[in-house]
Every structure is written in C-alpha cells, then in structure tokens.
Amino acid sequence: MRLHRNLIEGIIEVLQSVFQDRIYSDKAIESIFKRNKQWGVRDRAFVAEHSYNIIRNHKRLRYALGMNTRDELQETHTDALRRMTGAYFMLLLKELPAWDLFGNLPSYEQLHRRYEAPPHPSIAYSVSDWLWQYGCRQMGEASWQRELDAMNRQADVFLRVNSLKTSMEELRERLLQEGFATEAVEGVPSALKLAARGNVFRTKAFQEGLFEVQDAGSQRIAPFLEAAPGMRVIDACAGGGGKTLHLAALMQNKGHIIAMDVESWKLKELRKRARRNGVFNVETRLIESKTLKRLYNSADRLLLDVPCSGSGVLRRNPDAKWRITDSFMEEVKAKQQMILEHYPQMLKVGGKMVYATCSVFAEENRKQIEEFLALNPHFELEAEELLLPSFHGWDGFYMARLRKKSR
C-alpha cells in the first residue's frame, strides 16, 4: 500500500468533520467526495474505508498513543486526529513516509504493544463506558461482547434483486458482465452479496433499477409483514423507502402502498427511487395529525420501522458508538412509545402490523411490544425475530408481527 498525501489529508478532513463538527460519518465522507471530484473510484474507496476504520477504532488508537480515553472526546483537536491517523497507518504498514503531517509518534513496537493489549473491552471496541455497561445490562456481558466484535468489522455489501424488473440469475449475469461477482444469501431469497467491494451505483444495472443496495437482514422485514397483491399497506416510517420498494415488489405492483414520513425530503427521494425501480403502486404522504386520523381502520398491513438507537448497525455507522447516550435512549424510547400509541389505529380488524428496529437492545424491542400488548389486549403477537450480527453476519434487527383481533 502506497500512501498519497492528498488522500491522507482527505481522511483527516473527514475525521475533523466527525469528531469536531459532530457530522455523521457517511455525510462527512459524502461531503469530501463532492469537494474532490477529481478522485477516482480507488481513491474514494481508500478514503472511505480507512476513515471508517479509524472512526471504528478511535478509542483504541487514542489509548495506544497514550491519549485520554474519556468519553468526552476532548482530545479531538487536529493534531490529535493527525496522530491517530498516523498511528493507524503505522500499525498497517510498520513504516510511514517522512511527512510532518502525523506529528510525534511512538515506535511501531510501542504502538503495537499497547494497541494489542487494551485494558478494558470499552477500549478494545472503542465504545463509550456508558454504552458498554448499558449493552451488558441489556444482553449480558458475553453476548454484548460477541455483538461488538462482529460489528467492529467492515460490513459486507448486499443487494436486493428487484423482482419487478429482473430475476436473480439475470442480475448476477448482468453484474458479472460489469465486473461484479456476487453470491446468493442463504435464508434471504431476494439478496445477493458482493464478492468484493466496489461502486455498484455506477453500473447500468443499478441505473436501470434492477437492484437496490440493502442489507440482507433488512430484507427480512418486508416479507415478515406477509403483504399480498391487492392489499392496502401503510409504511408509516418509510424514510428513503428501501422497505417500501421491497413491499411493492412482493405485491407485484398490485394494491396500494401509502408511504409516510415526517421528512418531506425523504419522501422526495423515495419517489425518485420508485421511478427507477418501476414501482407505481406507492403514494407518499407527509405525516400530520390529520393524516393519521383519515387512515384509521383502513390498512390490511402496517409497517412500523421505528426510530431507534441503531445499535444493530454500528459497523455501518461507527460514530454512533458515542452518540448513543442515556438521554438519547430515553428520547428514542419515547418516540417508539408515541408511535405505538397512535399509529396502530390505522390498522383494520384482522389486519397485521410489524414493529421493527435496527437495534439489538431489549428495551427497544421485546419490552416495547410487551408494554404495548398489556395496554392493547385486542392485539396478539404472532411471531418475532431477532437478527444478530454475530450469528447471521448481517446487521442487527428486531421484528415483531402482531394481529389486530378486534377494536
């Protein structure tokens, strides 16, 4: 691996955005790409991969350098970020170019010795002390450590085959012609896994709407709802619409899907994606109080993909490791309870709803469903599933399917 100074400086800029300006890592990387349009595919991949790896292991790198490892992250001035970057590449390469960019670094032997012997799991996995303790309470120490180990690695790239336009066999052949080998995913009939990372968004197959990039675990949620062609389905927390589009494909473009969200820009993006996917049975609506009331007792199926901590997708959003705090968790759980209090009223008697999160924490998952059922005995739990990164190799998700027995 040869280091190019302009790319290393780009990585440091990403770290400044994340650690100093508190910008989300994916947005920081997107921004640096827009400012450096001359970078090729390999350059972009280099900056993204190594930026994520440094963010993913920031606390462990700080420990190896003898910096403080307090959760406040006070040592985020630019010199510290440069040293962290230098330490990361020294651990990879053993030697660095004779640049003044990285500041004073210890020897490789000193750095390696400290990096390989973190005194506490919170340092080993670069999570806040609070998040380590919270996860242990939620799952047990051994289970939480297994999940952190799985989520402290680079995530695989999964595609969802758009069955409205192609088949898995046809898509695999098309992608192979464009230089992307794929493999099927056991237990997820709509999913393909890329054999090697690459920019699939530039392929003609993507531009023609033959697939969407979507984690294999996420692809389990839409089928779990058991929607069928001709039904009226409400996706009440649609966001950018990944699961909405999957539902449309499962329903063969027949029936009516109402995709709702509180952010109009997300619905605009959903409409754009729907056009590319050849989806025409989706209507978007901005959520307002009157929107919900007009839809009471109208849906055959209801998907509640609620806001959550994101504890199941830490490998894709490593900066969430210190964004998840006590106050943040209380805020998220309150939002979930609000949604469970009001949104299920849109479901018909006999209809089914799925409550889903990308969290592995019981307080956001089973406990929320238990509280809902205690307050709403006219609902019954049909099935639930918890997907764990350590077991499946996908992102972490929870889903519960409930049936409305009566009013």
Protein backbone atom coordinates (compact mmCIF):
# COMPACT_ATOMS: atom_id res chain seq x y z
CA MET A 1 0.00 0.00 0.00
CA ARG A 2 1.39 3.37 -1.04
CA LEU A 3 0.16 6.44 0.81
CA HIS A 4 -0.75 9.57 -1.14
CA ARG A 5 -0.65 12.73 0.91
CA ASN A 6 -3.77 14.29 -0.63
CA LEU A 7 -5.84 11.21 0.30
CA ILE A 8 -4.45 11.15 3.85
CA GLU A 9 -5.33 14.83 4.20
CA GLY A 10 -8.82 13.93 2.96
CA ILE A 11 -9.15 11.31 5.69
CA ILE A 12 -8.09 13.85 8.31
CA GLU A 13 -10.73 16.25 6.97
CA VAL A 14 -13.35 13.53 7.40
CA LEU A 15 -12.21 12.98 10.99
CA GLN A 16 -12.40 16.71 11.68
CA SER A 17 -15.98 16.77 10.42
CA VAL A 18 -16.96 13.79 12.57
CA PHE A 19 -15.05 14.48 15.79
CA GLN A 20 -15.02 18.29 15.83
CA ASP A 21 -18.17 19.27 13.97
CA ARG A 22 -20.21 16.19 15.01
CA ILE A 23 -21.28 15.48 11.43
CA TYR A 24 -22.39 11.90 10.75
CA SER A 25 -19.61 9.83 9.19
CA ASP A 26 -21.48 8.96 5.98
CA LYS A 27 -22.34 12.64 5.42
CA ALA A 28 -18.74 13.67 6.11
CA ILE A 29 -17.46 11.20 3.52
CA GLU A 30 -20.10 12.26 1.02
CA SER A 31 -19.03 15.88 1.52
CA ILE A 32 -15.31 15.20 0.98
CA PHE A 33 -16.13 13.36 -2.24
CA LYS A 34 -18.11 16.34 -3.53
CA ARG A 35 -15.16 18.64 -2.80
CA ASN A 36 -12.70 16.30 -4.58
CA LYS A 37 -14.41 15.26 -7.78
CA GLN A 38 -11.04 14.50 -9.35
CA TRP A 39 -10.67 11.41 -7.16
CA GLY A 40 -11.19 8.13 -8.95
CA VAL A 41 -13.03 5.04 -7.73
CA ARG A 42 -9.98 3.62 -5.94
CA ASP A 43 -9.19 6.94 -4.27
CA ARG A 44 -12.74 7.23 -2.95
CA ALA A 45 -12.73 3.64 -1.73
CA PHE A 46 -9.40 4.24 0.05
CA VAL A 47 -10.64 7.37 1.83
CA ALA A 48 -13.96 5.81 2.83
CA GLU A 49 -12.55 2.50 4.07
CA HIS A 50 -9.76 3.97 6.17
CA SER A 51 -11.86 6.84 7.52
CA TYR A 52 -14.41 4.33 8.78
CA ASN A 53 -11.69 2.12 10.26
CA ILE A 54 -10.16 5.00 12.21
CA ILE A 55 -13.58 6.11 13.48
CA ARG A 56 -14.42 2.50 14.33
CA ASN A 57 -11.24 2.14 16.43
CA HIS A 58 -10.77 5.72 17.63
CA LYS A 59 -10.70 4.98 21.36
CA ARG A 60 -8.27 2.10 20.98
CA LEU A 61 -5.96 4.25 18.84
CA ARG A 62 -6.07 7.00 21.44
CA TYR A 63 -5.15 4.50 24.13
CA ALA A 64 -2.24 3.19 22.04
CA LEU A 65 -0.97 6.77 21.71
CA GLY A 66 -1.26 7.45 25.44
CA MET A 67 -4.07 9.97 24.98
CA ASN A 68 -7.02 10.12 27.34
CA THR A 69 -9.85 7.68 26.68
CA ARG A 70 -12.59 9.61 28.43
CA ASP A 71 -15.97 9.65 26.78
CA GLU A 72 -15.98 13.43 26.40
CA LEU A 73 -13.57 13.07 23.45
CA GLN A 74 -11.82 16.29 24.40
CA GLU A 75 -8.66 15.34 22.51
CA THR A 76 -10.15 15.92 19.10
CA HIS A 77 -8.08 18.91 18.04
CA THR A 78 -6.50 18.50 14.64
CA ASP A 79 -3.06 17.49 15.92
CA ALA A 80 -4.63 14.59 17.82
CA LEU A 81 -6.55 13.46 14.73
CA ARG A 82 -3.36 13.56 12.68
CA ARG A 83 -1.58 11.43 15.26
CA MET A 84 -4.47 8.94 15.30
CA THR A 85 -4.29 8.71 11.51
CA GLY A 86 -0.54 8.21 11.61
CA ALA A 87 -0.84 5.54 14.30
CA TYR A 88 -3.48 3.70 12.28
CA PHE A 89 -1.32 3.56 9.15
CA MET A 90 1.82 2.73 11.12
CA LEU A 91 0.03 -0.31 12.56
CA LEU A 92 -0.86 -1.33 9.00
CA LEU A 93 2.47 -0.60 7.31
CA LYS A 94 5.06 -0.52 10.16
CA GLU A 95 6.71 2.46 8.45
CA LEU A 96 5.39 5.84 7.32
CA PRO A 97 6.57 8.43 4.80
CA ALA A 98 8.79 11.14 6.28
CA TRP A 99 5.98 13.67 6.42
CA ASP A 100 5.43 16.25 9.15
CA LEU A 101 1.70 15.57 8.84
CA PHE A 102 1.42 12.96 11.60
CA GLY A 103 3.30 14.75 14.37
CA ASN A 104 5.28 12.85 17.00
CA LEU A 105 4.53 9.14 17.08
CA PRO A 106 5.97 6.36 19.24
CA SER A 107 7.86 3.49 17.67
CA TYR A 108 5.92 0.75 15.91
CA GLU A 109 6.82 -1.69 18.70
CA GLN A 110 5.47 0.59 21.44
CA LEU A 111 2.34 1.38 19.49
CA HIS A 112 1.65 -2.24 18.59
CA ARG A 113 2.18 -3.43 22.16
CA ARG A 114 -0.36 -1.01 23.60
CA TYR A 115 -2.87 -1.43 20.76
CA GLU A 116 -2.90 -5.21 21.18
CA ALA A 117 -3.39 -5.06 24.96
CA PRO A 118 -6.37 -2.78 25.70
CA PRO A 119 -7.12 -2.87 29.44
CA HIS A 120 -10.92 -2.87 29.07
CA PRO A 121 -13.49 -4.05 26.47
CA SER A 122 -14.78 -0.48 26.08
CA ILE A 123 -11.33 0.45 24.77
CA ALA A 124 -10.95 -2.73 22.70
CA TYR A 125 -14.22 -2.00 20.88
CA SER A 126 -13.99 1.81 21.07
CA VAL A 127 -17.36 2.34 22.72
CA SER A 128 -18.22 4.77 25.48
CA ASP A 129 -18.09 3.45 29.04
CA TRP A 130 -21.82 4.10 29.32
CA LEU A 131 -22.65 2.15 26.15
CA TRP A 132 -20.52 -0.80 27.26
CA GLN A 133 -22.33 -1.00 30.58
CA TYR A 134 -25.76 -0.48 29.01
CA GLY A 135 -25.19 -3.25 26.48
CA CYS A 136 -24.06 -5.60 29.24
CA ARG A 137 -27.29 -4.91 31.16
CA GLN A 138 -29.39 -5.45 28.04
CA MET A 139 -27.76 -8.62 26.71
CA GLY A 140 -25.26 -9.92 29.24
CA GLU A 141 -21.53 -9.23 29.00
CA ALA A 142 -20.60 -12.25 26.85
CA SER A 143 -23.39 -11.66 24.32
CA TRP A 144 -22.71 -7.93 24.07
CA GLN A 145 -19.01 -8.58 23.55
CA ARG A 146 -19.82 -11.03 20.72
CA GLU A 147 -22.00 -8.43 19.01
CA LEU A 148 -19.42 -5.67 19.37
CA ASP A 149 -16.76 -7.98 17.96
CA ALA A 150 -18.97 -8.69 14.93
CA MET A 151 -19.86 -5.02 14.47
CA ASN A 152 -16.28 -3.78 14.78
CA ARG A 153 -15.54 -5.09 11.30
CA GLN A 154 -16.26 -3.80 7.84
CA ALA A 155 -19.78 -4.65 6.70
CA ASP A 156 -20.44 -6.70 3.58
CA VAL A 157 -22.37 -5.12 0.71
CA PHE A 158 -25.72 -6.74 -0.06
CA LEU A 159 -28.07 -6.10 -2.97
CA ARG A 160 -31.81 -6.68 -3.21
CA VAL A 161 -32.89 -8.04 -6.57
CA ASN A 162 -35.80 -6.02 -7.97
CA SER A 163 -38.14 -8.82 -9.00
CA LEU A 164 -40.34 -6.33 -10.86
CA LYS A 165 -37.63 -5.98 -13.50
CA THR A 166 -35.34 -8.99 -13.38
CA SER A 167 -34.52 -12.35 -11.80
CA MET A 168 -31.62 -13.25 -9.55
CA GLU A 169 -29.95 -15.28 -12.32
CA GLU A 170 -30.27 -12.48 -14.86
CA LEU A 171 -28.97 -9.87 -12.43
CA ARG A 172 -25.97 -11.98 -11.43
CA GLU A 173 -25.05 -12.34 -15.10
CA ARG A 174 -25.50 -8.62 -15.79
CA LEU A 175 -23.35 -7.66 -12.81
CA LEU A 176 -20.67 -10.17 -13.78
CA GLN A 177 -20.51 -8.55 -17.21
CA GLU A 178 -19.94 -5.22 -15.45
CA GLY A 179 -17.16 -6.66 -13.27
CA PHE A 180 -19.05 -7.56 -10.08
CA ALA A 181 -19.16 -11.16 -8.87
CA THR A 182 -21.96 -11.99 -6.42
CA GLU A 183 -23.20 -14.89 -4.35
CA ALA A 184 -26.65 -15.86 -3.11
CA VAL A 185 -27.50 -15.41 0.58
CA GLU A 186 -28.98 -18.37 2.43
CA GLY A 187 -32.28 -17.51 4.10
CA VAL A 188 -32.83 -14.33 2.08
CA PRO A 189 -34.09 -15.24 -1.42
CA SER A 190 -34.00 -11.63 -2.65
CA ALA A 191 -30.39 -10.96 -1.59
CA LEU A 192 -27.01 -11.07 -3.29
CA LYS A 193 -23.67 -10.42 -1.60
CA LEU A 194 -20.87 -8.70 -3.46
CA ALA A 195 -17.73 -10.84 -3.58
CA ALA A 196 -15.62 -7.67 -3.43
CA ARG A 197 -16.47 -4.08 -2.60
CA GLY A 198 -16.98 -1.66 -5.46
CA ASN A 199 -19.11 1.24 -6.63
CA VAL A 200 -22.19 -0.59 -7.89
CA PHE A 201 -24.11 2.69 -8.17
CA ARG A 202 -22.28 3.40 -11.41
CA THR A 203 -23.43 0.18 -13.07
CA LYS A 204 -26.02 0.21 -15.82
CA ALA A 205 -27.88 -2.46 -13.85
CA PHE A 206 -28.39 -0.03 -10.98
CA GLN A 207 -29.32 2.87 -13.24
CA GLU A 208 -31.95 0.63 -14.86
CA GLY A 209 -33.44 -0.15 -11.44
CA LEU A 210 -32.55 -3.85 -11.40
CA PHE A 211 -31.41 -3.76 -7.77
CA GLU A 212 -31.13 -1.70 -4.60
CA VAL A 213 -28.32 -1.76 -2.06
CA GLN A 214 -29.90 -3.13 1.13
CA ASP A 215 -28.54 -5.23 3.99
CA ALA A 216 -29.65 -8.86 3.97
CA GLY A 217 -31.13 -8.53 7.45
CA SER A 218 -33.16 -5.52 6.38
CA GLN A 219 -34.50 -7.61 3.50
CA ARG A 220 -36.12 -9.99 6.01
CA ILE A 221 -38.53 -7.32 7.27
CA ALA A 222 -40.84 -6.72 4.28
CA PRO A 223 -41.65 -10.45 3.79
CA PHE A 224 -42.27 -10.74 7.54
CA LEU A 225 -45.26 -8.40 7.10
CA GLU A 226 -46.99 -11.00 4.88
CA ALA A 227 -48.37 -8.40 2.47
CA ALA A 228 -50.09 -9.76 -0.64
CA PRO A 229 -51.04 -8.30 -4.04
CA GLY A 230 -54.19 -6.17 -3.84
CA MET A 231 -53.82 -5.21 -0.19
CA ARG A 232 -53.74 -1.72 1.27
CA VAL A 233 -50.42 -1.36 3.06
CA ILE A 234 -49.13 1.58 5.09
CA ASP A 235 -45.39 2.02 5.62
CA ALA A 236 -45.66 4.60 8.38
CA CYS A 237 -41.95 5.34 8.92
CA ALA A 238 -40.85 4.97 5.32
CA GLY A 239 -37.72 7.14 5.28
CA GLY A 240 -35.91 6.76 1.97
CA GLY A 241 -38.14 3.84 1.07
CA GLY A 242 -35.95 0.73 0.96
CA LYS A 243 -38.59 -1.45 2.59
CA THR A 244 -41.41 0.34 0.74
CA LEU A 245 -39.89 -0.66 -2.59
CA HIS A 246 -39.39 -4.23 -1.36
CA LEU A 247 -43.07 -4.38 -0.37
CA ALA A 248 -44.07 -3.13 -3.83
CA ALA A 249 -42.06 -5.91 -5.44
CA LEU A 250 -43.56 -8.55 -3.14
CA MET A 251 -47.04 -7.23 -4.01
CA GLN A 252 -46.17 -7.36 -7.74
CA ASN A 253 -47.11 -3.67 -8.07
CA LYS A 254 -50.72 -4.60 -7.25
CA GLY A 255 -52.67 -2.95 -4.46
CA HIS A 256 -51.92 0.34 -2.73
CA ILE A 257 -48.95 1.30 -0.56
CA ILE A 258 -49.05 4.55 1.41
CA ALA A 259 -45.51 5.56 2.37
CA MET A 260 -45.41 8.10 5.18
CA ASP A 261 -42.68 10.07 6.92
CA VAL A 262 -42.19 13.29 8.87
CA GLU A 263 -39.46 14.48 6.46
CA SER A 264 -40.58 15.65 3.02
CA TRP A 265 -37.08 15.31 1.52
CA LYS A 266 -37.05 11.60 2.35
CA LEU A 267 -40.35 11.13 0.56
CA LYS A 268 -38.96 13.01 -2.44
CA GLU A 269 -36.03 10.59 -2.54
CA LEU A 270 -38.46 7.67 -2.24
CA ARG A 271 -40.42 8.87 -5.28
CA LYS A 272 -37.20 9.13 -7.27
CA ARG A 273 -36.19 5.60 -6.31
CA ALA A 274 -39.68 4.29 -7.09
CA ARG A 275 -39.47 5.64 -10.64
CA ARG A 276 -36.11 3.94 -11.17
CA ASN A 277 -37.48 0.68 -9.75
CA GLY A 278 -40.59 0.68 -11.93
CA VAL A 279 -42.85 0.95 -8.87
CA PHE A 280 -46.21 2.65 -9.43
CA ASN A 281 -48.44 1.48 -6.57
CA VAL A 282 -46.87 3.78 -3.95
CA GLU A 283 -48.38 7.05 -2.73
CA THR A 284 -46.34 9.29 -0.42
CA ARG A 285 -47.85 11.36 2.39
CA LEU A 286 -46.22 13.72 4.87
CA ILE A 287 -47.20 12.77 8.41
CA GLU A 288 -49.51 15.21 10.18
CA SER A 289 -52.09 14.56 12.90
CA LYS A 290 -54.95 14.76 10.39
CA THR A 291 -53.11 12.33 8.08
CA LEU A 292 -53.29 9.57 10.68
CA LYS A 293 -56.94 10.17 11.58
CA ARG A 294 -58.04 9.92 7.96
CA LEU A 295 -56.44 6.49 7.75
CA TYR A 296 -57.88 4.95 10.93
CA ASN A 297 -59.11 1.36 10.43
CA SER A 298 -58.08 1.34 6.77
CA ALA A 299 -54.93 -0.78 6.40
CA ASP A 300 -54.63 -4.50 5.79
CA ARG A 301 -50.97 -4.31 6.73
CA LEU A 302 -48.94 -1.74 8.67
CA LEU A 303 -45.16 -1.46 8.86
CA LEU A 304 -43.67 0.49 11.77
CA ASP A 305 -39.93 0.69 11.10
CA VAL A 306 -39.46 2.96 14.09
CA PRO A 307 -36.63 5.36 15.01
CA CYS A 308 -34.14 3.54 17.22
CA SER A 309 -30.64 3.63 18.69
CA GLY A 310 -29.08 1.96 15.64
CA SER A 311 -27.19 -0.40 17.94
CA GLY A 312 -27.54 -3.17 15.34
CA VAL A 313 -25.84 -1.18 12.58
CA LEU A 314 -22.75 0.15 14.37
CA ARG A 315 -20.39 -1.21 11.74
CA ARG A 316 -22.11 0.95 9.11
CA ASN A 317 -22.40 3.95 11.46
CA PRO A 318 -19.39 3.66 13.79
CA ASP A 319 -19.74 7.23 15.10
CA ALA A 320 -23.00 6.12 16.75
CA LYS A 321 -20.82 4.45 19.39
CA TRP A 322 -20.62 7.73 21.28
CA ARG A 323 -23.88 9.27 20.09
CA ILE A 324 -25.86 6.60 22.00
CA THR A 325 -26.21 8.06 25.50
CA ASP A 326 -28.64 7.74 28.38
CA SER A 327 -30.61 10.82 27.32
CA PHE A 328 -30.61 9.72 23.68
CA MET A 329 -32.02 6.32 24.62
CA GLU A 330 -34.80 7.88 26.67
CA GLU A 331 -35.70 10.14 23.75
CA VAL A 332 -35.74 7.24 21.29
CA LYS A 333 -37.87 5.03 23.53
CA ALA A 334 -40.36 7.86 24.00
CA LYS A 335 -40.68 8.22 20.20
CA GLN A 336 -41.26 4.49 19.86
CA GLN A 337 -43.97 4.56 22.52
CA MET A 338 -45.66 7.52 20.84
CA ILE A 339 -45.74 5.68 17.52
CA LEU A 340 -47.12 2.54 19.17
CA GLU A 341 -49.78 4.60 20.91
CA HIS A 342 -51.16 6.28 17.77
CA TYR A 343 -50.16 4.53 14.55
CA PRO A 344 -51.74 1.07 15.09
CA GLN A 345 -55.15 2.76 14.93
CA MET A 346 -54.69 2.80 11.14
CA LEU A 347 -54.97 -1.00 11.05
CA LYS A 348 -58.20 -2.84 10.22
CA VAL A 349 -59.59 -5.57 12.45
CA GLY A 350 -57.92 -8.76 11.27
CA GLY A 351 -55.02 -6.78 9.85
CA LYS A 352 -51.38 -7.31 10.78
CA MET A 353 -48.56 -4.97 11.65
CA VAL A 354 -44.82 -5.37 12.03
CA TYR A 355 -42.84 -3.34 14.56
CA ALA A 356 -39.18 -3.26 13.52
CA THR A 357 -35.93 -1.70 14.72
CA CYS A 358 -32.26 -1.88 13.75
CA SER A 359 -31.42 -2.35 17.43
CA VAL A 360 -30.28 -5.35 19.46
CA PHE A 361 -31.43 -3.90 22.80
CA ALA A 362 -34.41 -5.48 24.56
CA GLU A 363 -35.69 -2.13 25.88
CA GLU A 364 -36.38 -1.01 22.31
CA ASN A 365 -37.65 -4.37 21.16
CA ARG A 366 -39.42 -7.04 23.18
CA LYS A 367 -40.07 -4.76 26.15
CA GLN A 368 -41.82 -2.18 23.97
CA ILE A 369 -44.03 -4.92 22.49
CA GLU A 370 -44.82 -6.34 25.93
CA GLU A 371 -45.92 -2.89 27.15
CA PHE A 372 -47.99 -2.35 24.01
CA LEU A 373 -49.78 -5.70 24.38
CA ALA A 374 -50.51 -5.01 28.05
CA LEU A 375 -52.23 -1.75 27.05
CA ASN A 376 -53.87 -3.16 23.90
CA PRO A 377 -55.33 -6.63 24.59
CA HIS A 378 -57.16 -6.50 21.24
CA PHE A 379 -53.77 -7.22 19.61
CA GLU A 380 -51.90 -10.52 19.74
CA LEU A 381 -48.28 -11.38 19.00
CA GLU A 382 -47.95 -13.80 16.08
CA ALA A 383 -44.18 -14.01 15.70
CA GLU A 384 -40.95 -12.19 16.45
CA GLU A 385 -37.38 -12.46 15.29
CA LEU A 386 -34.06 -11.03 16.45
CA LEU A 387 -31.22 -10.96 13.92
CA LEU A 388 -27.77 -10.75 15.49
CA PRO A 389 -24.64 -9.70 13.58
CA SER A 390 -22.56 -12.31 15.41
CA PHE A 391 -24.85 -15.14 14.25
CA HIS A 392 -26.09 -14.12 10.81
CA GLY A 393 -23.26 -11.89 9.62
CA TRP A 394 -25.78 -9.19 8.69
CA ASP A 395 -26.82 -6.05 10.52
CA GLY A 396 -28.83 -6.42 13.72
CA PHE A 397 -32.63 -6.16 13.51
CA TYR A 398 -35.70 -6.96 15.58
CA MET A 399 -39.16 -7.53 14.16
CA ALA A 400 -42.46 -8.46 15.79
CA ARG A 401 -45.66 -9.26 13.87
CA LEU A 402 -48.95 -8.53 15.64
CA ARG A 403 -52.55 -9.14 14.60
CA LYS A 404 -55.46 -6.85 15.47
CA LYS A 405 -58.16 -9.19 16.83
CA SER A 406 -60.87 -6.61 17.47
CA ARG A 407 -61.50 -2.95 18.17
